[in-house]
Amino acid sequence: MTIGEWLDSAQKKLVAVDIPTARLDALVLLCHVLQKDKSYILAYDDALLKAEELNKLTNVLHRRLQHEPIAYIIGKKEFYGRDFVVTRHTLIPRPETELLVDTALELLPQTPLHFADLGTGTGCIGLTLLTERPHWQGLLLDLCPHAAEVAATNARLLDVQNRAVVLRGDMQHPPLKAESLQLVVSNPPYIAEAERHMVMDEVLHNEPHSALFSENNGLLHLAAAINAAAHALQNGGWILLEHGAAQAKAVHGLLAESRIFKKIENKRDIAQLDRCTLARKGL
């Protein structure tokens, strides 16, 4: 079987199980197994596949046909132009989360500072900030020990391990010193249990629920991040939070109720949804 024949066959099978990105997914699987880029696959579509390659392709295609996310199959996901290792213990990075990174880079100077990334998962937010700002130092915290290991692995792969402290810890009781940070960022669990039926099946059946769902109508971990920031931020420091599209008003209220945060502002993501809220301490 040639590369092109396998690509066409895989696409048809993926379409048959209602995977909307069938052609792209088949192409990504080919690139992964053959360890080639997309241009090679398209240029040499008449090349014959070896028996070993066909066996590996059969295996990964079977997993995708079961609606396992591509990122878990190939073990990585691109975020802000860089590849991050992902496992079933980590949430798969989303493009909309890049808004947190963009906002932090716009707000804060390139001069040295310390920040914390609470509920870091793969470390995609905190480690991206470190790669973009060579004078920053960050503490990356996650309750799941396996997620913390993944974040530490990504720190080494991105060569920022000397400026990243990765810890296992509860964001509701984070090991942060008072007034020690200039920035706190977090993409915490924020889906309410009552919203479970709204979550895509592929997400619900594969990604870690501890990184998706939060108590108190989805606000428990967001409130914890706000409390942590109130304690750990220096005067003038910033908090940046990702949240659900319908939670902007509630998050604004939590920040306002603290009487510590000012300049509370919401930003919209690439889909024009209210997804990020920021505020400044004490000004």
C-alpha atoms as a PDB file:
ATOM      1  CA  MET A   1       0.000   0.000   0.000  1.00  0.00           C
ATOM      2  CA  THR A   2       1.288   3.460  -0.845  1.00  0.00           C
ATOM      3  CA  ILE A   3       1.260   6.498   1.413  1.00  0.00           C
ATOM      4  CA  GLY A   4      -1.489   8.081  -0.683  1.00  0.00           C
ATOM      5  CA  GLU A   5      -3.642   4.953  -0.641  1.00  0.00           C
ATOM      6  CA  TRP A   6      -3.377   4.686   3.132  1.00  0.00           C
ATOM      7  CA  LEU A   7      -4.212   8.375   3.512  1.00  0.00           C
ATOM      8  CA  ASP A   8      -7.357   8.042   1.406  1.00  0.00           C
ATOM      9  CA  SER A   9      -8.451   4.857   3.177  1.00  0.00           C
ATOM     10  CA  ALA A  10      -7.869   6.301   6.650  1.00  0.00           C
ATOM     11  CA  GLN A  11      -9.780   9.446   5.764  1.00  0.00           C
ATOM     12  CA  LYS A  12     -12.826   7.434   4.687  1.00  0.00           C
ATOM     13  CA  LYS A  13     -12.787   5.403   7.893  1.00  0.00           C
ATOM     14  CA  LEU A  14     -12.517   8.531  10.041  1.00  0.00           C
ATOM     15  CA  VAL A  15     -15.331  10.243   8.151  1.00  0.00           C
ATOM     16  CA  ALA A  16     -17.482   7.161   8.781  1.00  0.00           C
ATOM     17  CA  VAL A  17     -17.214   7.673  12.556  1.00  0.00           C
ATOM     18  CA  ASP A  18     -18.026  11.395  12.316  1.00  0.00           C
ATOM     19  CA  ILE A  19     -14.571  12.847  12.859  1.00  0.00           C
ATOM     20  CA  PRO A  20     -14.743  16.265  11.156  1.00  0.00           C
ATOM     21  CA  THR A  21     -10.972  16.653  10.775  1.00  0.00           C
ATOM     22  CA  ALA A  22     -10.553  13.280   9.085  1.00  0.00           C
ATOM     23  CA  ARG A  23      -8.068  14.250   6.360  1.00  0.00           C
ATOM     24  CA  LEU A  24      -5.905  16.306   8.681  1.00  0.00           C
ATOM     25  CA  ASP A  25      -5.938  13.623  11.379  1.00  0.00           C
ATOM     26  CA  ALA A  26      -4.893  10.930   8.904  1.00  0.00           C
ATOM     27  CA  LEU A  27      -2.077  13.159   7.708  1.00  0.00           C
ATOM     28  CA  VAL A  28      -0.897  13.865  11.272  1.00  0.00           C
ATOM     29  CA  LEU A  29      -0.859  10.137  12.051  1.00  0.00           C
ATOM     30  CA  LEU A  30       1.225   9.463   8.949  1.00  0.00           C
ATOM     31  CA  CYS A  31       3.706  12.175   9.920  1.00  0.00           C
ATOM     32  CA  HIS A  32       3.941  10.721  13.419  1.00  0.00           C
ATOM     33  CA  VAL A  33       4.562   7.125  12.369  1.00  0.00           C
ATOM     34  CA  LEU A  34       6.872   7.886   9.451  1.00  0.00           C
ATOM     35  CA  GLN A  35       8.643  10.711  11.329  1.00  0.00           C
ATOM     36  CA  LYS A  36       8.279  12.955   8.296  1.00  0.00           C
ATOM     37  CA  ASP A  37       6.719  16.369   7.785  1.00  0.00           C
ATOM     38  CA  LYS A  38       3.543  17.031   5.824  1.00  0.00           C
ATOM     39  CA  SER A  39       5.379  18.243   2.744  1.00  0.00           C
ATOM     40  CA  TYR A  40       7.197  14.893   2.487  1.00  0.00           C
ATOM     41  CA  ILE A  41       3.943  12.940   2.840  1.00  0.00           C
ATOM     42  CA  LEU A  42       2.274  14.921   0.070  1.00  0.00           C
ATOM     43  CA  ALA A  43       5.315  14.887  -2.206  1.00  0.00           C
ATOM     44  CA  TYR A  44       5.920  11.132  -1.916  1.00  0.00           C
ATOM     45  CA  ASP A  45       2.374   9.829  -1.753  1.00  0.00           C
ATOM     46  CA  ASP A  46       3.270   7.052  -4.206  1.00  0.00           C
ATOM     47  CA  ALA A  47       5.955   5.612  -1.916  1.00  0.00           C
ATOM     48  CA  LEU A  48       5.268   2.121  -0.599  1.00  0.00           C
ATOM     49  CA  LEU A  49       4.751   1.635   3.116  1.00  0.00           C
ATOM     50  CA  LYS A  50       6.753  -1.040   4.910  1.00  0.00           C
ATOM     51  CA  ALA A  51       5.009  -3.815   6.850  1.00  0.00           C
ATOM     52  CA  GLU A  52       6.230  -2.390  10.169  1.00  0.00           C
ATOM     53  CA  GLU A  53       4.934   1.055   9.243  1.00  0.00           C
ATOM     54  CA  LEU A  54       1.557  -0.378   8.249  1.00  0.00           C
ATOM     55  CA  ASN A  55       1.268  -2.175  11.594  1.00  0.00           C
ATOM     56  CA  LYS A  56       1.982   1.034  13.492  1.00  0.00           C
ATOM     57  CA  LEU A  57      -0.459   2.986  11.323  1.00  0.00           C
ATOM     58  CA  THR A  58      -3.165   0.389  11.932  1.00  0.00           C
ATOM     59  CA  ASN A  59      -2.665   0.773  15.680  1.00  0.00           C
ATOM     60  CA  VAL A  60      -2.792   4.572  15.799  1.00  0.00           C
ATOM     61  CA  LEU A  61      -5.717   4.725  13.396  1.00  0.00           C
ATOM     62  CA  HIS A  62      -7.665   2.293  15.572  1.00  0.00           C
ATOM     63  CA  ARG A  63      -7.127   4.584  18.552  1.00  0.00           C
ATOM     64  CA  ARG A  64      -8.336   7.610  16.596  1.00  0.00           C
ATOM     65  CA  LEU A  65     -11.370   5.685  15.376  1.00  0.00           C
ATOM     66  CA  GLN A  66     -12.238   5.215  19.060  1.00  0.00           C
ATOM     67  CA  HIS A  67     -12.216   9.051  19.310  1.00  0.00           C
ATOM     68  CA  GLU A  68      -9.040   9.200  21.343  1.00  0.00           C
ATOM     69  CA  PRO A  69      -7.625  12.721  20.879  1.00  0.00           C
ATOM     70  CA  ILE A  70      -4.793  13.050  18.397  1.00  0.00           C
ATOM     71  CA  ALA A  71      -2.614  14.766  21.017  1.00  0.00           C
ATOM     72  CA  TYR A  72      -2.705  11.697  23.278  1.00  0.00           C
ATOM     73  CA  ILE A  73      -1.953   9.365  20.373  1.00  0.00           C
ATOM     74  CA  ILE A  74       1.127  11.241  19.179  1.00  0.00           C
ATOM     75  CA  GLY A  75       2.064  12.434  22.678  1.00  0.00           C
ATOM     76  CA  LYS A  76       2.334  16.130  21.958  1.00  0.00           C
ATOM     77  CA  LYS A  77       0.389  19.290  21.195  1.00  0.00           C
ATOM     78  CA  GLU A  78       1.507  22.592  19.726  1.00  0.00           C
ATOM     79  CA  PHE A  79       0.976  25.703  21.826  1.00  0.00           C
ATOM     80  CA  TYR A  80       2.293  29.162  20.962  1.00  0.00           C
ATOM     81  CA  GLY A  81       4.418  27.656  18.198  1.00  0.00           C
ATOM     82  CA  ARG A  82       6.096  25.048  20.406  1.00  0.00           C
ATOM     83  CA  ASP A  83       5.431  21.362  20.993  1.00  0.00           C
ATOM     84  CA  PHE A  84       4.456  20.269  24.509  1.00  0.00           C
ATOM     85  CA  VAL A  85       4.465  16.701  25.751  1.00  0.00           C
ATOM     86  CA  VAL A  86       0.965  15.640  26.808  1.00  0.00           C
ATOM     87  CA  THR A  87      -0.359  12.537  28.547  1.00  0.00           C
ATOM     88  CA  ARG A  88      -3.736  11.398  29.793  1.00  0.00           C
ATOM     89  CA  HIS A  89      -2.878  13.049  33.106  1.00  0.00           C
ATOM     90  CA  THR A  90      -2.825  16.515  31.523  1.00  0.00           C
ATOM     91  CA  LEU A  91      -5.385  18.698  29.836  1.00  0.00           C
ATOM     92  CA  ILE A  92      -4.636  19.167  26.142  1.00  0.00           C
ATOM     93  CA  PRO A  93      -3.542  22.781  25.520  1.00  0.00           C
ATOM     94  CA  ARG A  94      -6.127  24.875  23.659  1.00  0.00           C
ATOM     95  CA  PRO A  95      -5.488  27.741  21.233  1.00  0.00           C
ATOM     96  CA  GLU A  96      -7.763  30.051  23.230  1.00  0.00           C
ATOM     97  CA  THR A  97      -5.450  29.731  26.233  1.00  0.00           C
ATOM     98  CA  GLU A  98      -2.787  31.601  24.260  1.00  0.00           C
ATOM     99  CA  LEU A  99      -4.784  34.715  25.179  1.00  0.00           C
ATOM    100  CA  LEU A 100      -3.393  34.446  28.725  1.00  0.00           C
ATOM    101  CA  VAL A 101       0.148  34.426  27.373  1.00  0.00           C
ATOM    102  CA  ASP A 102      -0.495  37.325  24.996  1.00  0.00           C
ATOM    103  CA  THR A 103      -2.033  39.379  27.798  1.00  0.00           C
ATOM    104  CA  ALA A 104       0.814  38.710  30.237  1.00  0.00           C
ATOM    105  CA  LEU A 105       3.419  39.668  27.660  1.00  0.00           C
ATOM    106  CA  GLU A 106       1.558  42.889  26.874  1.00  0.00           C
ATOM    107  CA  LEU A 107       1.068  43.897  30.503  1.00  0.00           C
ATOM    108  CA  LEU A 108       4.445  43.172  32.031  1.00  0.00           C
ATOM    109  CA  PRO A 109       7.984  44.306  31.201  1.00  0.00           C
ATOM    110  CA  GLN A 110      10.823  42.129  29.951  1.00  0.00           C
ATOM    111  CA  THR A 111      12.804  42.970  33.077  1.00  0.00           C
ATOM    112  CA  PRO A 112      13.256  40.240  35.729  1.00  0.00           C
ATOM    113  CA  LEU A 113      10.173  39.177  37.661  1.00  0.00           C
ATOM    114  CA  HIS A 114       8.681  36.182  39.461  1.00  0.00           C
ATOM    115  CA  PHE A 115       5.321  34.610  38.665  1.00  0.00           C
ATOM    116  CA  ALA A 116       3.242  31.542  39.496  1.00  0.00           C
ATOM    117  CA  ASP A 117       1.200  29.331  37.185  1.00  0.00           C
ATOM    118  CA  LEU A 118      -1.451  27.588  39.283  1.00  0.00           C
ATOM    119  CA  GLY A 119      -2.837  24.308  37.956  1.00  0.00           C
ATOM    120  CA  THR A 120      -0.110  24.213  35.349  1.00  0.00           C
ATOM    121  CA  GLY A 121      -0.871  20.857  33.674  1.00  0.00           C
ATOM    122  CA  THR A 122       1.597  20.522  30.788  1.00  0.00           C
ATOM    123  CA  GLY A 123       3.131  23.813  31.831  1.00  0.00           C
ATOM    124  CA  CYS A 124       2.121  25.366  28.529  1.00  0.00           C
ATOM    125  CA  ILE A 125       1.298  28.785  30.012  1.00  0.00           C
ATOM    126  CA  GLY A 126       4.149  29.188  32.468  1.00  0.00           C
ATOM    127  CA  LEU A 127       6.818  27.623  30.275  1.00  0.00           C
ATOM    128  CA  THR A 128       5.776  29.691  27.279  1.00  0.00           C
ATOM    129  CA  LEU A 129       6.175  32.825  29.382  1.00  0.00           C
ATOM    130  CA  LEU A 130       9.662  31.672  30.339  1.00  0.00           C
ATOM    131  CA  THR A 131      10.646  31.002  26.729  1.00  0.00           C
ATOM    132  CA  GLU A 132       9.325  34.393  25.637  1.00  0.00           C
ATOM    133  CA  ARG A 133      10.863  36.291  28.561  1.00  0.00           C
ATOM    134  CA  PRO A 134      14.418  35.093  29.303  1.00  0.00           C
ATOM    135  CA  HIS A 135      14.694  37.149  32.513  1.00  0.00           C
ATOM    136  CA  TRP A 136      11.521  35.822  34.162  1.00  0.00           C
ATOM    137  CA  GLN A 137      11.346  33.052  36.754  1.00  0.00           C
ATOM    138  CA  GLY A 138       8.264  30.952  37.423  1.00  0.00           C
ATOM    139  CA  LEU A 139       6.756  28.536  39.905  1.00  0.00           C
ATOM    140  CA  LEU A 140       4.509  25.959  38.234  1.00  0.00           C
ATOM    141  CA  LEU A 141       2.088  24.155  40.539  1.00  0.00           C
ATOM    142  CA  ASP A 142      -0.188  21.172  39.970  1.00  0.00           C
ATOM    143  CA  LEU A 143      -1.965  18.840  42.379  1.00  0.00           C
ATOM    144  CA  CYS A 144      -1.519  15.809  40.107  1.00  0.00           C
ATOM    145  CA  PRO A 145       1.979  14.337  40.505  1.00  0.00           C
ATOM    146  CA  HIS A 146       1.923  12.951  36.957  1.00  0.00           C
ATOM    147  CA  ALA A 147       1.044  16.375  35.552  1.00  0.00           C
ATOM    148  CA  ALA A 148       3.887  17.941  37.513  1.00  0.00           C
ATOM    149  CA  GLU A 149       6.251  15.361  35.982  1.00  0.00           C
ATOM    150  CA  VAL A 150       5.021  16.265  32.490  1.00  0.00           C
ATOM    151  CA  ALA A 151       5.537  19.977  33.179  1.00  0.00           C
ATOM    152  CA  ALA A 152       9.068  19.263  34.425  1.00  0.00           C
ATOM    153  CA  THR A 153       9.770  17.247  31.268  1.00  0.00           C
ATOM    154  CA  ASN A 154       8.542  20.095  29.097  1.00  0.00           C
ATOM    155  CA  ALA A 155      10.703  22.548  31.031  1.00  0.00           C
ATOM    156  CA  ARG A 156      13.768  20.453  30.200  1.00  0.00           C
ATOM    157  CA  LEU A 157      12.789  20.078  26.543  1.00  0.00           C
ATOM    158  CA  LEU A 158      12.358  23.838  26.258  1.00  0.00           C
ATOM    159  CA  ASP A 159      15.617  24.413  28.136  1.00  0.00           C
ATOM    160  CA  VAL A 160      14.065  26.643  30.788  1.00  0.00           C
ATOM    161  CA  GLN A 161      14.428  24.235  33.712  1.00  0.00           C
ATOM    162  CA  ASN A 162      16.858  26.574  35.465  1.00  0.00           C
ATOM    163  CA  ARG A 163      14.166  29.262  35.706  1.00  0.00           C
ATOM    164  CA  ALA A 164      11.178  26.987  36.379  1.00  0.00           C
ATOM    165  CA  VAL A 165      10.319  25.487  39.746  1.00  0.00           C
ATOM    166  CA  VAL A 166       7.758  22.726  39.211  1.00  0.00           C
ATOM    167  CA  LEU A 167       5.967  21.554  42.339  1.00  0.00           C
ATOM    168  CA  ARG A 168       3.158  19.235  43.258  1.00  0.00           C
ATOM    169  CA  GLY A 169       0.729  21.251  45.344  1.00  0.00           C
ATOM    170  CA  ASP A 170      -2.870  22.216  45.938  1.00  0.00           C
ATOM    171  CA  MET A 171      -3.806  25.573  44.448  1.00  0.00           C
ATOM    172  CA  GLN A 172      -6.290  25.983  47.286  1.00  0.00           C
ATOM    173  CA  HIS A 173      -3.322  26.014  49.689  1.00  0.00           C
ATOM    174  CA  PRO A 174      -0.349  26.974  47.490  1.00  0.00           C
ATOM    175  CA  PRO A 175       3.166  27.320  48.944  1.00  0.00           C
ATOM    176  CA  LEU A 176       3.522  30.972  48.002  1.00  0.00           C
ATOM    177  CA  LYS A 177       5.244  33.658  50.052  1.00  0.00           C
ATOM    178  CA  ALA A 178       3.338  36.831  50.816  1.00  0.00           C
ATOM    179  CA  GLU A 179       3.928  39.663  48.353  1.00  0.00           C
ATOM    180  CA  SER A 180       6.596  37.690  46.473  1.00  0.00           C
ATOM    181  CA  LEU A 181       5.206  37.744  42.914  1.00  0.00           C
ATOM    182  CA  GLN A 182       4.446  40.223  40.177  1.00  0.00           C
ATOM    183  CA  LEU A 183       2.103  37.888  38.275  1.00  0.00           C
ATOM    184  CA  VAL A 184      -0.244  34.978  38.922  1.00  0.00           C
ATOM    185  CA  VAL A 185      -1.718  33.123  35.951  1.00  0.00           C
ATOM    186  CA  SER A 186      -4.130  30.232  36.017  1.00  0.00           C
ATOM    187  CA  ASN A 187      -6.276  28.125  33.736  1.00  0.00           C
ATOM    188  CA  PRO A 188      -7.951  26.155  36.525  1.00  0.00           C
ATOM    189  CA  PRO A 189     -10.790  23.634  36.373  1.00  0.00           C
ATOM    190  CA  TYR A 190     -13.950  25.702  35.876  1.00  0.00           C
ATOM    191  CA  ILE A 191     -16.704  23.513  34.430  1.00  0.00           C
ATOM    192  CA  ALA A 192     -19.677  23.081  36.752  1.00  0.00           C
ATOM    193  CA  GLU A 193     -20.997  19.584  37.328  1.00  0.00           C
ATOM    194  CA  ALA A 194     -24.364  20.731  35.973  1.00  0.00           C
ATOM    195  CA  GLU A 195     -22.613  21.524  32.679  1.00  0.00           C
ATOM    196  CA  ARG A 196     -21.240  18.014  32.220  1.00  0.00           C
ATOM    197  CA  HIS A 197     -23.753  17.299  29.456  1.00  0.00           C
ATOM    198  CA  MET A 198     -22.361  20.216  27.474  1.00  0.00           C
ATOM    199  CA  VAL A 199     -18.819  18.810  27.336  1.00  0.00           C
ATOM    200  CA  MET A 200     -17.825  17.137  24.070  1.00  0.00           C
ATOM    201  CA  ASP A 201     -17.746  13.349  24.375  1.00  0.00           C
ATOM    202  CA  GLU A 202     -14.145  13.204  23.167  1.00  0.00           C
ATOM    203  CA  VAL A 203     -13.118  15.515  26.002  1.00  0.00           C
ATOM    204  CA  LEU A 204     -15.351  13.943  28.643  1.00  0.00           C
ATOM    205  CA  HIS A 205     -14.186  10.394  27.964  1.00  0.00           C
ATOM    206  CA  ASN A 206     -10.473  11.107  27.626  1.00  0.00           C
ATOM    207  CA  GLU A 207      -9.221  14.187  29.440  1.00  0.00           C
ATOM    208  CA  PRO A 208      -8.701  14.241  33.237  1.00  0.00           C
ATOM    209  CA  HIS A 209     -11.846  15.330  35.065  1.00  0.00           C
ATOM    210  CA  SER A 210      -9.742  16.879  37.819  1.00  0.00           C
ATOM    211  CA  ALA A 211      -8.546  19.416  35.250  1.00  0.00           C
ATOM    212  CA  LEU A 212     -12.053  20.064  33.915  1.00  0.00           C
ATOM    213  CA  PHE A 213     -14.604  20.179  36.712  1.00  0.00           C
ATOM    214  CA  SER A 214     -14.844  22.405  39.771  1.00  0.00           C
ATOM    215  CA  GLU A 215     -17.310  22.624  42.631  1.00  0.00           C
ATOM    216  CA  ASN A 216     -19.371  25.650  43.642  1.00  0.00           C
ATOM    217  CA  ASN A 217     -20.879  26.021  40.194  1.00  0.00           C
ATOM    218  CA  GLY A 218     -17.438  25.853  38.619  1.00  0.00           C
ATOM    219  CA  LEU A 219     -15.983  28.656  40.734  1.00  0.00           C
ATOM    220  CA  LEU A 220     -14.115  26.826  43.503  1.00  0.00           C
ATOM    221  CA  HIS A 221     -10.709  26.800  41.841  1.00  0.00           C
ATOM    222  CA  LEU A 222     -11.109  30.262  40.332  1.00  0.00           C
ATOM    223  CA  ALA A 223     -11.800  31.606  43.814  1.00  0.00           C
ATOM    224  CA  ALA A 224      -8.764  29.715  45.124  1.00  0.00           C
ATOM    225  CA  ALA A 225      -6.542  31.317  42.463  1.00  0.00           C
ATOM    226  CA  ILE A 226      -7.872  34.755  43.421  1.00  0.00           C
ATOM    227  CA  ASN A 227      -7.205  34.127  47.107  1.00  0.00           C
ATOM    228  CA  ALA A 228      -3.697  32.901  46.331  1.00  0.00           C
ATOM    229  CA  ALA A 229      -2.996  35.975  44.208  1.00  0.00           C
ATOM    230  CA  ALA A 230      -4.317  38.312  46.900  1.00  0.00           C
ATOM    231  CA  HIS A 231      -1.769  36.795  49.271  1.00  0.00           C
ATOM    232  CA  ALA A 232       1.235  36.363  46.980  1.00  0.00           C
ATOM    233  CA  LEU A 233       1.140  39.378  44.668  1.00  0.00           C
ATOM    234  CA  GLN A 234       3.066  42.521  45.368  1.00  0.00           C
ATOM    235  CA  ASN A 235       1.263  45.828  45.179  1.00  0.00           C
ATOM    236  CA  GLY A 236       0.688  46.512  41.490  1.00  0.00           C
ATOM    237  CA  GLY A 237       0.951  42.831  40.538  1.00  0.00           C
ATOM    238  CA  TRP A 238      -1.434  41.212  38.056  1.00  0.00           C
ATOM    239  CA  ILE A 239      -3.709  38.189  38.106  1.00  0.00           C
ATOM    240  CA  LEU A 240      -4.813  36.598  34.810  1.00  0.00           C
ATOM    241  CA  LEU A 241      -7.507  33.940  34.797  1.00  0.00           C
ATOM    242  CA  GLU A 242      -9.037  31.773  32.112  1.00  0.00           C
ATOM    243  CA  HIS A 243     -12.663  30.796  32.774  1.00  0.00           C
ATOM    244  CA  GLY A 244     -15.846  29.672  31.087  1.00  0.00           C
ATOM    245  CA  ALA A 245     -17.520  31.978  28.583  1.00  0.00           C
ATOM    246  CA  ALA A 246     -20.486  32.474  30.908  1.00  0.00           C
ATOM    247  CA  GLN A 247     -18.396  33.061  34.051  1.00  0.00           C
ATOM    248  CA  ALA A 248     -16.981  36.526  33.326  1.00  0.00           C
ATOM    249  CA  LYS A 249     -19.517  38.306  35.534  1.00  0.00           C
ATOM    250  CA  ALA A 250     -19.048  35.870  38.407  1.00  0.00           C
ATOM    251  CA  VAL A 251     -15.246  36.108  38.255  1.00  0.00           C
ATOM    252  CA  HIS A 252     -15.465  39.908  38.120  1.00  0.00           C
ATOM    253  CA  GLY A 253     -17.626  39.717  41.231  1.00  0.00           C
ATOM    254  CA  LEU A 254     -15.134  37.510  43.096  1.00  0.00           C
ATOM    255  CA  LEU A 255     -12.315  39.921  42.317  1.00  0.00           C
ATOM    256  CA  ALA A 256     -14.373  42.959  43.299  1.00  0.00           C
ATOM    257  CA  GLU A 257     -15.527  41.354  46.556  1.00  0.00           C
ATOM    258  CA  SER A 258     -11.934  40.900  47.668  1.00  0.00           C
ATOM    259  CA  ARG A 259     -11.545  44.715  47.775  1.00  0.00           C
ATOM    260  CA  ILE A 260      -7.908  44.133  46.885  1.00  0.00           C
ATOM    261  CA  PHE A 261      -8.067  44.032  43.101  1.00  0.00           C
ATOM    262  CA  LYS A 262      -8.689  47.003  40.822  1.00  0.00           C
ATOM    263  CA  LYS A 263      -8.724  47.600  37.086  1.00  0.00           C
ATOM    264  CA  ILE A 264     -10.773  44.449  36.573  1.00  0.00           C
ATOM    265  CA  GLU A 265     -11.097  43.769  32.869  1.00  0.00           C
ATOM    266  CA  ASN A 266     -12.384  40.984  30.652  1.00  0.00           C
ATOM    267  CA  LYS A 267     -10.811  39.932  27.363  1.00  0.00           C
ATOM    268  CA  ARG A 268     -12.295  37.857  24.566  1.00  0.00           C
ATOM    269  CA  ASP A 269     -10.614  34.874  22.957  1.00  0.00           C
ATOM    270  CA  ILE A 270     -10.184  34.053  19.262  1.00  0.00           C
ATOM    271  CA  ALA A 271     -13.827  32.970  19.114  1.00  0.00           C
ATOM    272  CA  GLN A 272     -14.930  36.306  20.641  1.00  0.00           C
ATOM    273  CA  LEU A 273     -16.006  34.611  23.865  1.00  0.00           C
ATOM    274  CA  ASP A 274     -15.466  36.163  27.318  1.00  0.00           C
ATOM    275  CA  ARG A 275     -12.703  33.825  28.377  1.00  0.00           C
ATOM    276  CA  CYS A 276     -10.065  35.785  30.291  1.00  0.00           C
ATOM    277  CA  THR A 277     -10.280  38.188  33.232  1.00  0.00           C
ATOM    278  CA  LEU A 278      -7.412  40.255  34.569  1.00  0.00           C
ATOM    279  CA  ALA A 279      -7.009  42.555  37.528  1.00  0.00           C
ATOM    280  CA  ARG A 280      -4.301  44.504  39.328  1.00  0.00           C
ATOM    281  CA  LYS A 281      -3.646  44.354  43.045  1.00  0.00           C
ATOM    282  CA  GLY A 282      -3.890  47.472  45.138  1.00  0.00           C
ATOM    283  CA  LEU A 283      -4.005  50.196  42.495  1.00  0.00           C
END
